[in-house]
Amino acid sequence: MSSIFTKIINRDIPAHIVAEDDQHIAFLDINPLVEGHLLVVPKAEVDYLFDLEDQAYTKLQLFAKRVAVAQKKAIPCIRIGTAVVGLEVPHTHIHLVPLNSMDDINFSRPKLNPSKNELESTAKKIAKEYEQITGEE
């Protein structure tokens, strides 16, 4: 059975996509810790980050880096934090979280509940920066 991320990749369910290439996709977490919280996912459905082949792992990290650079330009923050938890969805993913304090990446705290319009606005800001950095849409 396909993961929820595969369904997003295949456009079977909607998502606020901010970046994509032939092997990866980045989209907003719909229950973010903070504004601009993203998930970066390989299109190949592999359950655990450290099960990726070395080349796929490296490419995923480089894609995440480009996305994080765009994210930091779009969302006011001190840095972008990363987390790999991997317990909630059996499909490798990296959380990119804009940080202004250590608590911003505390997964046990209550999540935000942004409106669809807020998500769309945030996604557009990050996507615009990604396009400027990479020349890709």
N, C-alpha and C. Protein backbone atom coordinates (compact mmCIF):
# COMPACT_ATOMS: atom_id res chain seq x y z
N MET A 1 0.84 -1.18 0.00
CA MET A 1 0.00 0.00 0.00
C MET A 1 0.88 1.25 0.00
N SER A 2 0.54 2.21 -0.79
CA SER A 2 1.31 3.45 -0.90
C SER A 2 1.23 4.27 0.37
N SER A 3 2.35 4.92 0.70
CA SER A 3 2.35 5.83 1.84
C SER A 3 1.59 7.10 1.47
N ILE A 4 1.24 7.88 2.48
CA ILE A 4 0.59 9.16 2.22
C ILE A 4 1.50 10.06 1.39
N PHE A 5 2.82 9.94 1.57
CA PHE A 5 3.75 10.76 0.78
C PHE A 5 3.75 10.33 -0.68
N THR A 6 3.66 9.05 -0.95
CA THR A 6 3.56 8.58 -2.33
C THR A 6 2.28 9.10 -2.97
N LYS A 7 1.22 9.18 -2.20
CA LYS A 7 -0.04 9.72 -2.72
C LYS A 7 0.10 11.21 -3.05
N ILE A 8 0.88 11.93 -2.25
CA ILE A 8 1.17 13.34 -2.56
C ILE A 8 2.02 13.43 -3.81
N ILE A 9 3.06 12.62 -3.89
CA ILE A 9 3.95 12.61 -5.06
C ILE A 9 3.16 12.33 -6.33
N ASN A 10 2.24 11.38 -6.26
CA ASN A 10 1.42 11.01 -7.42
C ASN A 10 0.25 11.94 -7.66
N ARG A 11 0.12 12.97 -6.79
CA ARG A 11 -0.96 13.95 -6.88
C ARG A 11 -2.33 13.33 -6.65
N ASP A 12 -2.36 12.23 -5.91
CA ASP A 12 -3.64 11.62 -5.54
C ASP A 12 -4.31 12.38 -4.41
N ILE A 13 -3.51 13.06 -3.59
CA ILE A 13 -4.03 13.94 -2.55
C ILE A 13 -3.27 15.26 -2.64
N PRO A 14 -3.92 16.35 -2.27
CA PRO A 14 -3.28 17.66 -2.42
C PRO A 14 -2.21 17.91 -1.35
N ALA A 15 -1.28 18.79 -1.70
CA ALA A 15 -0.25 19.24 -0.76
C ALA A 15 0.22 20.61 -1.23
N HIS A 16 0.84 21.33 -0.33
CA HIS A 16 1.40 22.64 -0.64
C HIS A 16 2.87 22.44 -0.97
N ILE A 17 3.13 22.11 -2.24
CA ILE A 17 4.47 21.76 -2.71
C ILE A 17 5.27 23.04 -2.94
N VAL A 18 6.50 23.04 -2.44
CA VAL A 18 7.36 24.22 -2.60
C VAL A 18 8.54 23.96 -3.52
N ALA A 19 8.91 22.70 -3.71
CA ALA A 19 10.05 22.36 -4.56
C ALA A 19 9.93 20.91 -5.00
N GLU A 20 10.47 20.65 -6.18
CA GLU A 20 10.42 19.28 -6.70
C GLU A 20 11.48 19.13 -7.78
N ASP A 21 12.08 17.95 -7.83
CA ASP A 21 12.91 17.57 -8.96
C ASP A 21 12.52 16.15 -9.34
N ASP A 22 13.29 15.51 -10.17
CA ASP A 22 12.89 14.19 -10.64
C ASP A 22 12.94 13.11 -9.55
N GLN A 23 13.66 13.35 -8.45
CA GLN A 23 13.81 12.32 -7.42
C GLN A 23 13.28 12.72 -6.04
N HIS A 24 12.90 14.01 -5.87
CA HIS A 24 12.53 14.51 -4.53
C HIS A 24 11.37 15.49 -4.62
N ILE A 25 10.77 15.70 -3.46
CA ILE A 25 9.69 16.69 -3.36
C ILE A 25 9.75 17.31 -1.95
N ALA A 26 9.38 18.56 -1.86
CA ALA A 26 9.30 19.24 -0.56
C ALA A 26 7.94 19.93 -0.47
N PHE A 27 7.29 19.76 0.65
CA PHE A 27 5.97 20.35 0.84
C PHE A 27 5.77 20.72 2.30
N LEU A 28 4.80 21.60 2.53
CA LEU A 28 4.50 22.04 3.89
C LEU A 28 3.88 20.92 4.71
N ASP A 29 4.29 20.85 5.95
CA ASP A 29 3.63 19.98 6.92
C ASP A 29 2.28 20.64 7.23
N ILE A 30 1.19 19.91 7.15
CA ILE A 30 -0.12 20.52 7.39
C ILE A 30 -0.42 20.72 8.88
N ASN A 31 0.39 20.11 9.73
CA ASN A 31 0.30 20.32 11.18
C ASN A 31 1.68 20.77 11.67
N PRO A 32 2.08 21.98 11.28
CA PRO A 32 3.47 22.40 11.52
C PRO A 32 3.75 22.76 12.98
N LEU A 33 5.02 22.65 13.32
CA LEU A 33 5.49 23.13 14.62
C LEU A 33 5.53 24.66 14.61
N VAL A 34 5.97 25.22 13.48
CA VAL A 34 6.06 26.67 13.27
C VAL A 34 5.72 26.94 11.81
N GLU A 35 5.48 28.20 11.49
CA GLU A 35 5.22 28.57 10.10
C GLU A 35 6.41 28.16 9.23
N GLY A 36 6.12 27.55 8.10
CA GLY A 36 7.16 27.18 7.15
C GLY A 36 7.77 25.81 7.37
N HIS A 37 7.26 25.03 8.31
CA HIS A 37 7.74 23.67 8.58
C HIS A 37 7.50 22.81 7.34
N LEU A 38 8.59 22.27 6.79
CA LEU A 38 8.53 21.49 5.56
C LEU A 38 8.90 20.04 5.78
N LEU A 39 8.45 19.21 4.85
CA LEU A 39 8.88 17.82 4.76
C LEU A 39 9.58 17.65 3.42
N VAL A 40 10.75 17.06 3.44
CA VAL A 40 11.53 16.78 2.23
C VAL A 40 11.57 15.27 2.09
N VAL A 41 11.14 14.78 0.92
CA VAL A 41 10.86 13.36 0.73
C VAL A 41 11.46 12.86 -0.58
N PRO A 42 12.11 11.70 -0.56
CA PRO A 42 12.50 11.10 -1.84
C PRO A 42 11.25 10.51 -2.50
N LYS A 43 11.22 10.53 -3.80
CA LYS A 43 10.06 9.96 -4.49
C LYS A 43 10.03 8.44 -4.41
N ALA A 44 11.20 7.83 -4.27
CA ALA A 44 11.25 6.38 -4.07
C ALA A 44 10.78 6.08 -2.65
N GLU A 45 9.86 5.15 -2.53
CA GLU A 45 9.28 4.83 -1.23
C GLU A 45 10.20 3.88 -0.47
N VAL A 46 11.04 4.47 0.38
CA VAL A 46 11.95 3.73 1.26
C VAL A 46 11.58 4.12 2.68
N ASP A 47 11.35 3.15 3.53
CA ASP A 47 10.84 3.41 4.88
C ASP A 47 11.79 4.23 5.75
N TYR A 48 13.07 3.93 5.75
CA TYR A 48 13.99 4.47 6.75
C TYR A 48 15.16 5.17 6.07
N LEU A 49 15.46 6.37 6.53
CA LEU A 49 16.52 7.18 5.93
C LEU A 49 17.81 6.41 5.71
N PHE A 50 18.22 5.64 6.71
CA PHE A 50 19.50 4.97 6.61
C PHE A 50 19.45 3.68 5.82
N ASP A 51 18.29 3.36 5.24
CA ASP A 51 18.18 2.27 4.27
C ASP A 51 18.40 2.76 2.84
N LEU A 52 18.45 4.09 2.65
CA LEU A 52 18.71 4.62 1.31
C LEU A 52 20.12 4.23 0.86
N GLU A 53 20.26 3.99 -0.42
CA GLU A 53 21.60 3.79 -0.98
C GLU A 53 22.38 5.09 -0.79
N ASP A 54 23.70 4.99 -0.73
CA ASP A 54 24.53 6.16 -0.45
C ASP A 54 24.26 7.32 -1.40
N GLN A 55 24.17 7.03 -2.69
CA GLN A 55 23.94 8.10 -3.66
C GLN A 55 22.57 8.76 -3.46
N ALA A 56 21.54 7.97 -3.18
CA ALA A 56 20.21 8.51 -2.94
C ALA A 56 20.19 9.34 -1.66
N TYR A 57 20.90 8.88 -0.64
CA TYR A 57 20.99 9.62 0.62
C TYR A 57 21.65 10.98 0.40
N THR A 58 22.76 10.98 -0.33
CA THR A 58 23.48 12.22 -0.60
C THR A 58 22.63 13.19 -1.41
N LYS A 59 21.97 12.69 -2.44
CA LYS A 59 21.12 13.55 -3.27
C LYS A 59 19.96 14.13 -2.46
N LEU A 60 19.38 13.34 -1.57
CA LEU A 60 18.29 13.83 -0.73
C LEU A 60 18.79 14.96 0.16
N GLN A 61 19.96 14.79 0.76
CA GLN A 61 20.51 15.82 1.64
C GLN A 61 20.82 17.10 0.85
N LEU A 62 21.34 16.97 -0.35
CA LEU A 62 21.65 18.15 -1.16
C LEU A 62 20.37 18.87 -1.59
N PHE A 63 19.34 18.12 -1.92
CA PHE A 63 18.05 18.73 -2.25
C PHE A 63 17.51 19.46 -1.02
N ALA A 64 17.58 18.82 0.15
CA ALA A 64 17.11 19.45 1.38
C ALA A 64 17.87 20.74 1.67
N LYS A 65 19.16 20.75 1.38
CA LYS A 65 19.97 21.95 1.59
C LYS A 65 19.46 23.10 0.72
N ARG A 66 19.20 22.84 -0.55
CA ARG A 66 18.70 23.89 -1.45
C ARG A 66 17.34 24.40 -0.97
N VAL A 67 16.50 23.49 -0.55
CA VAL A 67 15.18 23.88 -0.05
C VAL A 67 15.33 24.72 1.22
N ALA A 68 16.22 24.32 2.11
CA ALA A 68 16.42 25.05 3.36
C ALA A 68 16.94 26.47 3.12
N VAL A 69 17.80 26.63 2.14
CA VAL A 69 18.30 27.97 1.80
C VAL A 69 17.13 28.86 1.37
N ALA A 70 16.27 28.34 0.54
CA ALA A 70 15.08 29.10 0.09
C ALA A 70 14.14 29.36 1.26
N GLN A 71 13.95 28.36 2.08
CA GLN A 71 13.06 28.48 3.23
C GLN A 71 13.53 29.59 4.18
N LYS A 72 14.83 29.64 4.44
CA LYS A 72 15.37 30.66 5.35
C LYS A 72 15.19 32.07 4.78
N LYS A 73 15.28 32.20 3.47
CA LYS A 73 15.06 33.51 2.84
C LYS A 73 13.59 33.92 2.92
N ALA A 74 12.69 32.96 2.90
CA ALA A 74 11.26 33.25 2.88
C ALA A 74 10.64 33.41 4.26
N ILE A 75 11.17 32.72 5.25
CA ILE A 75 10.59 32.70 6.59
C ILE A 75 11.59 33.31 7.57
N PRO A 76 11.25 34.40 8.23
CA PRO A 76 12.18 35.00 9.19
C PRO A 76 12.52 34.02 10.32
N CYS A 77 13.80 33.69 10.42
CA CYS A 77 14.26 32.78 11.46
C CYS A 77 15.76 32.89 11.62
N ILE A 78 16.28 32.34 12.69
CA ILE A 78 17.72 32.35 12.94
C ILE A 78 18.41 31.28 12.10
N ARG A 79 17.83 30.10 12.08
CA ARG A 79 18.33 29.00 11.26
C ARG A 79 17.21 28.05 10.89
N ILE A 80 17.58 27.08 10.07
CA ILE A 80 16.66 25.99 9.74
C ILE A 80 17.17 24.75 10.45
N GLY A 81 16.33 24.18 11.28
CA GLY A 81 16.68 22.94 11.97
C GLY A 81 16.21 21.75 11.16
N THR A 82 16.88 20.64 11.35
CA THR A 82 16.48 19.41 10.67
C THR A 82 16.21 18.33 11.71
N ALA A 83 15.29 17.48 11.37
CA ALA A 83 14.98 16.33 12.22
C ALA A 83 14.55 15.18 11.34
N VAL A 84 14.99 14.01 11.71
CA VAL A 84 14.54 12.78 11.06
C VAL A 84 13.98 11.91 12.17
N VAL A 85 12.67 11.79 12.17
CA VAL A 85 12.02 11.00 13.21
C VAL A 85 11.58 9.68 12.58
N GLY A 86 10.74 9.78 11.57
CA GLY A 86 10.40 8.62 10.77
C GLY A 86 9.48 7.60 11.41
N LEU A 87 8.85 7.94 12.50
CA LEU A 87 7.94 6.98 13.13
C LEU A 87 6.50 7.13 12.66
N GLU A 88 6.16 8.32 12.20
CA GLU A 88 4.76 8.59 11.88
C GLU A 88 4.34 8.17 10.47
N VAL A 89 5.26 8.15 9.52
CA VAL A 89 4.95 7.74 8.14
C VAL A 89 6.08 6.82 7.67
N PRO A 90 5.77 5.63 7.16
CA PRO A 90 6.81 4.70 6.72
C PRO A 90 7.37 5.05 5.34
N HIS A 91 7.89 6.26 5.23
CA HIS A 91 8.48 6.76 3.98
C HIS A 91 9.51 7.79 4.42
N THR A 92 10.75 7.61 4.04
CA THR A 92 11.82 8.52 4.45
C THR A 92 11.41 9.97 4.26
N HIS A 93 11.68 10.77 5.29
CA HIS A 93 11.42 12.21 5.17
C HIS A 93 12.27 12.97 6.19
N ILE A 94 12.62 14.17 5.78
CA ILE A 94 13.38 15.08 6.63
C ILE A 94 12.48 16.27 6.95
N HIS A 95 12.39 16.60 8.22
CA HIS A 95 11.69 17.81 8.64
C HIS A 95 12.66 18.98 8.56
N LEU A 96 12.26 20.05 7.91
CA LEU A 96 13.01 21.31 7.91
C LEU A 96 12.16 22.31 8.66
N VAL A 97 12.68 22.80 9.80
CA VAL A 97 11.89 23.63 10.69
C VAL A 97 12.59 24.96 10.93
N PRO A 98 11.95 26.08 10.56
CA PRO A 98 12.52 27.39 10.88
C PRO A 98 12.64 27.55 12.40
N LEU A 99 13.83 27.96 12.85
CA LEU A 99 14.10 28.04 14.29
C LEU A 99 14.41 29.45 14.74
N ASN A 100 13.76 29.85 15.81
CA ASN A 100 14.12 31.05 16.54
C ASN A 100 14.43 30.70 17.99
N SER A 101 14.09 29.47 18.39
CA SER A 101 14.43 28.96 19.72
C SER A 101 14.48 27.44 19.64
N MET A 102 15.07 26.82 20.65
CA MET A 102 15.13 25.36 20.70
C MET A 102 13.74 24.74 20.75
N ASP A 103 12.80 25.44 21.35
CA ASP A 103 11.46 24.90 21.49
C ASP A 103 10.73 24.79 20.15
N ASP A 104 11.21 25.51 19.13
CA ASP A 104 10.56 25.46 17.82
C ASP A 104 10.61 24.08 17.18
N ILE A 105 11.53 23.23 17.63
CA ILE A 105 11.65 21.89 17.05
C ILE A 105 11.28 20.80 18.06
N ASN A 106 10.47 21.18 19.03
CA ASN A 106 9.98 20.25 20.05
C ASN A 106 8.71 19.57 19.52
N PHE A 107 8.83 18.32 19.12
CA PHE A 107 7.71 17.62 18.50
C PHE A 107 6.61 17.23 19.47
N SER A 108 6.84 17.38 20.77
CA SER A 108 5.80 17.03 21.74
C SER A 108 4.89 18.21 22.07
N ARG A 109 5.24 19.39 21.56
CA ARG A 109 4.38 20.55 21.84
C ARG A 109 3.19 20.57 20.87
N PRO A 110 2.15 21.33 21.19
CA PRO A 110 0.99 21.40 20.29
C PRO A 110 1.39 21.96 18.92
N LYS A 111 0.78 21.38 17.90
CA LYS A 111 1.04 21.81 16.53
C LYS A 111 0.15 23.00 16.19
N LEU A 112 0.58 23.77 15.20
CA LEU A 112 -0.23 24.86 14.69
C LEU A 112 -1.34 24.30 13.82
N ASN A 113 -2.35 25.10 13.58
CA ASN A 113 -3.46 24.69 12.73
C ASN A 113 -3.74 25.82 11.73
N PRO A 114 -2.80 26.03 10.77
CA PRO A 114 -2.97 27.14 9.84
C PRO A 114 -4.12 26.89 8.86
N SER A 115 -4.70 27.99 8.38
CA SER A 115 -5.76 27.90 7.38
C SER A 115 -5.16 27.51 6.03
N LYS A 116 -6.01 27.11 5.13
CA LYS A 116 -5.56 26.78 3.77
C LYS A 116 -4.91 28.00 3.13
N ASN A 117 -5.47 29.18 3.33
CA ASN A 117 -4.91 30.41 2.78
C ASN A 117 -3.52 30.70 3.35
N GLU A 118 -3.35 30.48 4.66
CA GLU A 118 -2.04 30.70 5.28
C GLU A 118 -1.01 29.72 4.71
N LEU A 119 -1.41 28.46 4.55
CA LEU A 119 -0.50 27.47 3.96
C LEU A 119 -0.13 27.85 2.53
N GLU A 120 -1.12 28.25 1.74
CA GLU A 120 -0.86 28.65 0.36
C GLU A 120 0.11 29.83 0.29
N SER A 121 -0.09 30.81 1.14
CA SER A 121 0.77 31.99 1.16
C SER A 121 2.21 31.61 1.53
N THR A 122 2.36 30.80 2.55
CA THR A 122 3.69 30.35 2.98
C THR A 122 4.36 29.54 1.88
N ALA A 123 3.62 28.63 1.27
CA ALA A 123 4.18 27.80 0.20
C ALA A 123 4.66 28.66 -0.97
N LYS A 124 3.88 29.66 -1.34
CA LYS A 124 4.26 30.53 -2.45
C LYS A 124 5.54 31.29 -2.15
N LYS A 125 5.69 31.78 -0.92
CA LYS A 125 6.91 32.51 -0.54
C LYS A 125 8.14 31.62 -0.66
N ILE A 126 8.04 30.39 -0.15
CA ILE A 126 9.19 29.48 -0.19
C ILE A 126 9.47 29.04 -1.63
N ALA A 127 8.42 28.71 -2.37
CA ALA A 127 8.59 28.28 -3.76
C ALA A 127 9.24 29.37 -4.61
N LYS A 128 8.86 30.61 -4.38
CA LYS A 128 9.45 31.73 -5.12
C LYS A 128 10.96 31.83 -4.85
N GLU A 129 11.34 31.70 -3.60
CA GLU A 129 12.77 31.74 -3.25
C GLU A 129 13.51 30.55 -3.84
N TYR A 130 12.89 29.38 -3.82
CA TYR A 130 13.52 28.18 -4.39
C TYR A 130 13.75 28.38 -5.89
N GLU A 131 12.75 28.92 -6.56
CA GLU A 131 12.88 29.15 -7.99
C GLU A 131 14.00 30.15 -8.29
N GLN A 132 14.12 31.18 -7.47
CA GLN A 132 15.19 32.17 -7.68
C GLN A 132 16.57 31.56 -7.45
N ILE A 133 16.68 30.69 -6.47
CA ILE A 133 17.96 30.07 -6.16
C ILE A 133 18.37 29.06 -7.23
N THR A 134 17.42 28.26 -7.68
CA THR A 134 17.76 27.15 -8.57
C THR A 134 17.41 27.38 -10.03
N GLY A 135 16.54 28.35 -10.29
CA GLY A 135 16.07 28.55 -11.65
C GLY A 135 15.04 27.50 -12.04
N GLU A 136 14.57 26.68 -11.05
CA GLU A 136 13.58 25.64 -11.31
C GLU A 136 12.25 26.06 -10.71
N GLU A 137 11.16 25.55 -11.29
CA GLU A 137 9.83 25.78 -10.72
C GLU A 137 9.41 24.55 -9.96
